[in-house]
């Protein structure tokens, strides 16, 4: 039994273990180091889930705050990054529900201009640099791909994002989402198949 437990601890351990231990002792600088290390990847996950950059930033901030409050309860049964990612995904789901409710109530579009003190501005205004046309075309493609990803059902979208965009292992996805290996693989197959069909609808035969 002791050997089994030892193997489990070894699997769960990663290079965040020391920083997490310091955080649990109240070292704020250690948590700041964890934020610096993981914030970009967590922002990518949140943005891919939500499709709105500002909302994704807020979700990641909330996720780190939640992680900091709960850090003493973290027992290392999974990697810190896996635990953190599960928080980001859950908060992203909650934010998406809030945004859908608000859009239904207000009838607003994410493409509507933003009101500022100096007047209306459009989101992501084109750059004045010489290659503006190429950049806009690239951005348009990225937005269409993101829209196709957003159109997937939540359980398929999150698996696709973690595996194909963020490069998580199957074990990490299983731990993050708390689902069996078979479910991870079946959802990923369905997600890829559905996304391929929707990309064909937008771009033609791939």
C-alpha atoms as a PDB file:
ATOM      1  CA  UNK A   1       0.000   0.000   0.000  1.00  0.00           C
ATOM      2  CA  UNK A   2       2.774   2.434   0.898  1.00  0.00           C
ATOM      3  CA  UNK A   3       4.374   1.906  -2.535  1.00  0.00           C
ATOM      4  CA  UNK A   4       1.085   2.722  -4.261  1.00  0.00           C
ATOM      5  CA  UNK A   5       0.695   5.926  -2.266  1.00  0.00           C
ATOM      6  CA  UNK A   6       4.274   6.855  -3.018  1.00  0.00           C
ATOM      7  CA  UNK A   7       3.712   6.415  -6.738  1.00  0.00           C
ATOM      8  CA  UNK A   8       0.555   8.552  -6.559  1.00  0.00           C
ATOM      9  CA  UNK A   9       2.452  11.375  -4.876  1.00  0.00           C
ATOM     10  CA  UNK A  10       5.225  11.134  -7.443  1.00  0.00           C
ATOM     11  CA  UNK A  11       2.751  11.377 -10.324  1.00  0.00           C
ATOM     12  CA  UNK A  12       1.009  14.383  -8.798  1.00  0.00           C
ATOM     13  CA  UNK A  13       4.207  16.245  -7.951  1.00  0.00           C
ATOM     14  CA  UNK A  14       5.521  18.849 -10.377  1.00  0.00           C
ATOM     15  CA  UNK A  15       7.787  21.876 -10.368  1.00  0.00           C
ATOM     16  CA  UNK A  16       5.092  23.981  -8.672  1.00  0.00           C
ATOM     17  CA  UNK A  17       5.247  21.905  -5.491  1.00  0.00           C
ATOM     18  CA  UNK A  18       7.801  24.109  -3.738  1.00  0.00           C
ATOM     19  CA  UNK A  19       5.997  27.330  -4.618  1.00  0.00           C
ATOM     20  CA  UNK A  20       2.665  25.888  -3.487  1.00  0.00           C
ATOM     21  CA  UNK A  21       4.236  24.857  -0.189  1.00  0.00           C
ATOM     22  CA  UNK A  22       5.525  28.382   0.358  1.00  0.00           C
ATOM     23  CA  UNK A  23       2.097  29.812  -0.512  1.00  0.00           C
ATOM     24  CA  UNK A  24       0.508  27.594   2.111  1.00  0.00           C
ATOM     25  CA  UNK A  25       2.920  29.113   4.634  1.00  0.00           C
ATOM     26  CA  UNK A  26       1.775  32.607   3.695  1.00  0.00           C
ATOM     27  CA  UNK A  27       4.514  33.618   1.228  1.00  0.00           C
ATOM     28  CA  UNK A  28       2.766  36.072  -1.096  1.00  0.00           C
ATOM     29  CA  UNK A  29       5.771  36.292  -3.415  1.00  0.00           C
ATOM     30  CA  UNK A  30       5.480  32.553  -4.095  1.00  0.00           C
ATOM     31  CA  UNK A  31       1.893  32.977  -5.244  1.00  0.00           C
ATOM     32  CA  UNK A  32       2.912  35.918  -7.413  1.00  0.00           C
ATOM     33  CA  UNK A  33       5.434  33.595  -9.055  1.00  0.00           C
ATOM     34  CA  UNK A  34       2.662  31.063  -9.745  1.00  0.00           C
ATOM     35  CA  UNK A  35       0.528  33.804 -11.277  1.00  0.00           C
ATOM     36  CA  UNK A  36       3.383  34.915 -13.506  1.00  0.00           C
ATOM     37  CA  UNK A  37       4.019  31.341 -14.605  1.00  0.00           C
ATOM     38  CA  UNK A  38       0.456  30.262 -15.378  1.00  0.00           C
ATOM     39  CA  UNK A  39      -1.541  33.394 -16.211  1.00  0.00           C
ATOM     40  CA  UNK A  40      -0.941  33.312 -19.973  1.00  0.00           C
ATOM     41  CA  UNK A  41      -2.016  29.687 -20.374  1.00  0.00           C
ATOM     42  CA  UNK A  42      -5.049  30.197 -18.145  1.00  0.00           C
ATOM     43  CA  UNK A  43      -6.014  33.288 -20.154  1.00  0.00           C
ATOM     44  CA  UNK A  44      -5.816  31.248 -23.351  1.00  0.00           C
ATOM     45  CA  UNK A  45      -8.124  28.622 -21.865  1.00  0.00           C
ATOM     46  CA  UNK A  46     -10.618  31.225 -20.645  1.00  0.00           C
ATOM     47  CA  UNK A  47     -10.582  33.149 -23.929  1.00  0.00           C
ATOM     48  CA  UNK A  48     -11.133  30.013 -25.990  1.00  0.00           C
ATOM     49  CA  UNK A  49     -13.997  29.041 -23.713  1.00  0.00           C
ATOM     50  CA  UNK A  50     -15.688  32.447 -23.651  1.00  0.00           C
ATOM     51  CA  UNK A  51     -14.610  34.142 -26.876  1.00  0.00           C
ATOM     52  CA  UNK A  52     -14.381  37.562 -25.207  1.00  0.00           C
ATOM     53  CA  UNK A  53     -10.962  38.885 -24.160  1.00  0.00           C
ATOM     54  CA  UNK A  54     -12.090  41.278 -21.418  1.00  0.00           C
ATOM     55  CA  UNK A  55     -14.364  38.685 -19.843  1.00  0.00           C
ATOM     56  CA  UNK A  56     -11.567  36.110 -20.030  1.00  0.00           C
ATOM     57  CA  UNK A  57      -9.212  38.470 -18.183  1.00  0.00           C
ATOM     58  CA  UNK A  58     -11.766  38.948 -15.430  1.00  0.00           C
ATOM     59  CA  UNK A  59     -12.318  35.194 -15.156  1.00  0.00           C
ATOM     60  CA  UNK A  60      -8.586  34.542 -14.798  1.00  0.00           C
ATOM     61  CA  UNK A  61      -8.281  37.214 -12.121  1.00  0.00           C
ATOM     62  CA  UNK A  62     -11.182  35.640 -10.240  1.00  0.00           C
ATOM     63  CA  UNK A  63      -9.635  32.190 -10.670  1.00  0.00           C
ATOM     64  CA  UNK A  64      -6.312  33.244  -9.154  1.00  0.00           C
ATOM     65  CA  UNK A  65      -8.114  34.978  -6.306  1.00  0.00           C
ATOM     66  CA  UNK A  66     -10.151  31.830  -5.658  1.00  0.00           C
ATOM     67  CA  UNK A  67      -7.008  29.689  -5.822  1.00  0.00           C
ATOM     68  CA  UNK A  68      -5.220  31.956  -3.357  1.00  0.00           C
ATOM     69  CA  UNK A  69      -8.108  31.743  -0.887  1.00  0.00           C
ATOM     70  CA  UNK A  70      -8.197  27.953  -1.177  1.00  0.00           C
ATOM     71  CA  UNK A  71      -4.460  27.234  -1.456  1.00  0.00           C
ATOM     72  CA  UNK A  72      -4.227  25.793   2.070  1.00  0.00           C
ATOM     73  CA  UNK A  73      -6.829  23.167   1.099  1.00  0.00           C
ATOM     74  CA  UNK A  74      -4.760  22.029  -1.880  1.00  0.00           C
ATOM     75  CA  UNK A  75      -3.343  18.581  -1.078  1.00  0.00           C
ATOM     76  CA  UNK A  76      -1.339  17.870  -4.205  1.00  0.00           C
ATOM     77  CA  UNK A  77      -3.609  15.054  -5.392  1.00  0.00           C
ATOM     78  CA  UNK A  78      -3.326  16.597  -8.850  1.00  0.00           C
ATOM     79  CA  UNK A  79      -0.910  19.064 -10.393  1.00  0.00           C
ATOM     80  CA  UNK A  80      -1.398  22.670  -9.314  1.00  0.00           C
ATOM     81  CA  UNK A  81      -1.856  23.687 -12.965  1.00  0.00           C
ATOM     82  CA  UNK A  82      -4.577  21.053 -13.371  1.00  0.00           C
ATOM     83  CA  UNK A  83      -6.370  22.235 -10.236  1.00  0.00           C
ATOM     84  CA  UNK A  84      -6.093  25.849 -11.360  1.00  0.00           C
ATOM     85  CA  UNK A  85      -7.378  25.033 -14.832  1.00  0.00           C
ATOM     86  CA  UNK A  86     -10.456  23.343 -13.384  1.00  0.00           C
ATOM     87  CA  UNK A  87     -11.221  26.579 -11.513  1.00  0.00           C
ATOM     88  CA  UNK A  88     -10.791  28.611 -14.709  1.00  0.00           C
ATOM     89  CA  UNK A  89     -13.105  26.304 -16.667  1.00  0.00           C
ATOM     90  CA  UNK A  90     -15.829  26.385 -14.015  1.00  0.00           C
ATOM     91  CA  UNK A  91     -15.673  30.176 -13.768  1.00  0.00           C
ATOM     92  CA  UNK A  92     -15.690  30.445 -17.574  1.00  0.00           C
ATOM     93  CA  UNK A  93     -18.861  28.368 -17.729  1.00  0.00           C
ATOM     94  CA  UNK A  94     -20.493  30.627 -15.156  1.00  0.00           C
ATOM     95  CA  UNK A  95     -19.436  33.755 -17.036  1.00  0.00           C
ATOM     96  CA  UNK A  96     -20.798  32.403 -20.316  1.00  0.00           C
ATOM     97  CA  UNK A  97     -24.183  31.814 -18.686  1.00  0.00           C
ATOM     98  CA  UNK A  98     -24.166  35.369 -17.318  1.00  0.00           C
ATOM     99  CA  UNK A  99     -23.217  36.837 -20.692  1.00  0.00           C
ATOM    100  CA  UNK A 100     -25.920  34.886 -22.543  1.00  0.00           C
ATOM    101  CA  UNK A 101     -28.511  36.032 -20.028  1.00  0.00           C
ATOM    102  CA  UNK A 102     -27.411  39.671 -20.391  1.00  0.00           C
ATOM    103  CA  UNK A 103     -27.377  39.535 -24.195  1.00  0.00           C
ATOM    104  CA  UNK A 104     -30.865  38.058 -24.262  1.00  0.00           C
ATOM    105  CA  UNK A 105     -32.118  40.749 -21.900  1.00  0.00           C
ATOM    106  CA  UNK A 106     -30.378  43.696 -23.560  1.00  0.00           C
ATOM    107  CA  UNK A 107     -30.387  42.457 -27.148  1.00  0.00           C
ATOM    108  CA  UNK A 108     -26.776  43.555 -27.456  1.00  0.00           C
ATOM    109  CA  UNK A 109     -24.238  42.197 -29.897  1.00  0.00           C
ATOM    110  CA  UNK A 110     -20.575  41.596 -29.124  1.00  0.00           C
ATOM    111  CA  UNK A 111     -19.884  43.441 -32.372  1.00  0.00           C
ATOM    112  CA  UNK A 112     -21.693  46.604 -31.233  1.00  0.00           C
ATOM    113  CA  UNK A 113     -19.501  49.701 -30.857  1.00  0.00           C
ATOM    114  CA  UNK A 114     -18.184  50.515 -27.404  1.00  0.00           C
ATOM    115  CA  UNK A 115     -19.293  53.770 -25.790  1.00  0.00           C
ATOM    116  CA  UNK A 116     -16.456  55.929 -24.398  1.00  0.00           C
ATOM    117  CA  UNK A 117     -16.171  59.501 -23.166  1.00  0.00           C
ATOM    118  CA  UNK A 118     -14.789  60.456 -26.570  1.00  0.00           C
ATOM    119  CA  UNK A 119     -17.578  58.787 -28.528  1.00  0.00           C
ATOM    120  CA  UNK A 120     -18.126  55.377 -30.100  1.00  0.00           C
ATOM    121  CA  UNK A 121     -15.291  53.073 -31.064  1.00  0.00           C
ATOM    122  CA  UNK A 122     -15.414  49.716 -32.751  1.00  0.00           C
ATOM    123  CA  UNK A 123     -13.873  46.691 -31.090  1.00  0.00           C
ATOM    124  CA  UNK A 124     -10.431  45.799 -32.398  1.00  0.00           C
ATOM    125  CA  UNK A 125     -10.036  48.806 -34.739  1.00  0.00           C
ATOM    126  CA  UNK A 126      -7.858  48.122 -37.786  1.00  0.00           C
ATOM    127  CA  UNK A 127      -4.181  48.965 -37.513  1.00  0.00           C
ATOM    128  CA  UNK A 128      -2.872  51.835 -39.672  1.00  0.00           C
ATOM    129  CA  UNK A 129       0.242  49.809 -40.563  1.00  0.00           C
ATOM    130  CA  UNK A 130       0.878  48.872 -44.233  1.00  0.00           C
ATOM    131  CA  UNK A 131      -0.129  45.198 -43.873  1.00  0.00           C
ATOM    132  CA  UNK A 132      -3.561  46.061 -42.524  1.00  0.00           C
ATOM    133  CA  UNK A 133      -5.488  44.091 -45.179  1.00  0.00           C
ATOM    134  CA  UNK A 134      -3.560  40.886 -44.515  1.00  0.00           C
ATOM    135  CA  UNK A 135      -3.972  41.337 -40.791  1.00  0.00           C
ATOM    136  CA  UNK A 136      -7.701  41.864 -41.093  1.00  0.00           C
ATOM    137  CA  UNK A 137      -8.048  38.781 -43.283  1.00  0.00           C
ATOM    138  CA  UNK A 138      -6.103  36.736 -40.749  1.00  0.00           C
ATOM    139  CA  UNK A 139      -8.186  38.128 -37.906  1.00  0.00           C
ATOM    140  CA  UNK A 140     -11.381  37.363 -39.800  1.00  0.00           C
ATOM    141  CA  UNK A 141     -10.303  33.743 -40.236  1.00  0.00           C
ATOM    142  CA  UNK A 142      -9.386  33.486 -36.544  1.00  0.00           C
ATOM    143  CA  UNK A 143     -12.738  34.945 -35.537  1.00  0.00           C
ATOM    144  CA  UNK A 144     -14.608  32.495 -37.745  1.00  0.00           C
ATOM    145  CA  UNK A 145     -12.652  29.553 -36.316  1.00  0.00           C
ATOM    146  CA  UNK A 146     -13.316  30.802 -32.792  1.00  0.00           C
ATOM    147  CA  UNK A 147     -17.012  31.152 -33.616  1.00  0.00           C
ATOM    148  CA  UNK A 148     -17.069  27.523 -34.764  1.00  0.00           C
ATOM    149  CA  UNK A 149     -15.386  26.463 -31.524  1.00  0.00           C
ATOM    150  CA  UNK A 150     -17.876  28.523 -29.526  1.00  0.00           C
ATOM    151  CA  UNK A 151     -20.751  26.792 -31.321  1.00  0.00           C
ATOM    152  CA  UNK A 152     -19.762  23.413 -29.886  1.00  0.00           C
ATOM    153  CA  UNK A 153     -21.627  22.137 -26.846  1.00  0.00           C
ATOM    154  CA  UNK A 154     -19.795  22.994 -23.645  1.00  0.00           C
ATOM    155  CA  UNK A 155     -18.620  19.488 -22.780  1.00  0.00           C
ATOM    156  CA  UNK A 156     -17.115  19.054 -26.251  1.00  0.00           C
ATOM    157  CA  UNK A 157     -15.636  22.541 -26.458  1.00  0.00           C
ATOM    158  CA  UNK A 158     -13.717  22.253 -23.179  1.00  0.00           C
ATOM    159  CA  UNK A 159     -12.146  18.907 -24.120  1.00  0.00           C
ATOM    160  CA  UNK A 160     -11.142  20.206 -27.554  1.00  0.00           C
ATOM    161  CA  UNK A 161      -9.590  23.344 -26.074  1.00  0.00           C
ATOM    162  CA  UNK A 162      -7.616  21.463 -23.440  1.00  0.00           C
ATOM    163  CA  UNK A 163      -6.308  18.779 -25.805  1.00  0.00           C
ATOM    164  CA  UNK A 164      -5.901  20.348 -29.251  1.00  0.00           C
ATOM    165  CA  UNK A 165      -5.270  23.984 -28.356  1.00  0.00           C
ATOM    166  CA  UNK A 166      -3.587  23.844 -24.957  1.00  0.00           C
ATOM    167  CA  UNK A 167      -1.875  20.469 -25.384  1.00  0.00           C
ATOM    168  CA  UNK A 168      -3.050  18.871 -22.131  1.00  0.00           C
ATOM    169  CA  UNK A 169      -2.449  15.126 -21.778  1.00  0.00           C
ATOM    170  CA  UNK A 170      -5.413  12.779 -21.473  1.00  0.00           C
ATOM    171  CA  UNK A 171      -4.545  12.262 -17.802  1.00  0.00           C
ATOM    172  CA  UNK A 172      -4.518  16.018 -17.179  1.00  0.00           C
ATOM    173  CA  UNK A 173      -7.876  16.429 -18.902  1.00  0.00           C
ATOM    174  CA  UNK A 174      -9.323  13.559 -16.871  1.00  0.00           C
ATOM    175  CA  UNK A 175      -8.139  15.185 -13.649  1.00  0.00           C
ATOM    176  CA  UNK A 176      -9.205  18.686 -14.657  1.00  0.00           C
ATOM    177  CA  UNK A 177     -12.731  17.721 -15.697  1.00  0.00           C
ATOM    178  CA  UNK A 178     -13.078  14.766 -13.314  1.00  0.00           C
ATOM    179  CA  UNK A 179     -14.302  12.390 -16.022  1.00  0.00           C
ATOM    180  CA  UNK A 180     -13.128   8.881 -17.064  1.00  0.00           C
ATOM    181  CA  UNK A 181     -10.537   8.309 -19.806  1.00  0.00           C
ATOM    182  CA  UNK A 182     -13.157   6.806 -22.097  1.00  0.00           C
ATOM    183  CA  UNK A 183     -15.340   9.888 -21.756  1.00  0.00           C
ATOM    184  CA  UNK A 184     -12.408  12.175 -22.564  1.00  0.00           C
ATOM    185  CA  UNK A 185     -11.659  10.260 -25.762  1.00  0.00           C
ATOM    186  CA  UNK A 186     -15.266   9.947 -26.907  1.00  0.00           C
ATOM    187  CA  UNK A 187     -15.960  13.653 -26.308  1.00  0.00           C
ATOM    188  CA  UNK A 188     -12.775  14.616 -28.123  1.00  0.00           C
ATOM    189  CA  UNK A 189     -13.693  12.453 -31.119  1.00  0.00           C
ATOM    190  CA  UNK A 190     -17.158  13.984 -31.245  1.00  0.00           C
ATOM    191  CA  UNK A 191     -15.769  17.517 -30.804  1.00  0.00           C
ATOM    192  CA  UNK A 192     -13.239  17.125 -33.619  1.00  0.00           C
ATOM    193  CA  UNK A 193     -15.811  15.595 -35.952  1.00  0.00           C
ATOM    194  CA  UNK A 194     -18.383  18.308 -35.262  1.00  0.00           C
ATOM    195  CA  UNK A 195     -15.839  21.116 -35.553  1.00  0.00           C
ATOM    196  CA  UNK A 196     -14.634  19.766 -38.895  1.00  0.00           C
ATOM    197  CA  UNK A 197     -18.203  19.821 -40.238  1.00  0.00           C
ATOM    198  CA  UNK A 198     -18.766  23.389 -39.035  1.00  0.00           C
ATOM    199  CA  UNK A 199     -15.478  24.601 -40.468  1.00  0.00           C
ATOM    200  CA  UNK A 200     -16.500  23.059 -43.807  1.00  0.00           C
ATOM    201  CA  UNK A 201     -19.744  25.034 -43.679  1.00  0.00           C
ATOM    202  CA  UNK A 202     -17.753  28.246 -43.216  1.00  0.00           C
ATOM    203  CA  UNK A 203     -14.659  27.694 -45.371  1.00  0.00           C
ATOM    204  CA  UNK A 204     -15.692  24.937 -47.752  1.00  0.00           C
ATOM    205  CA  UNK A 205     -13.931  21.591 -48.176  1.00  0.00           C
ATOM    206  CA  UNK A 206     -10.852  21.386 -45.964  1.00  0.00           C
END
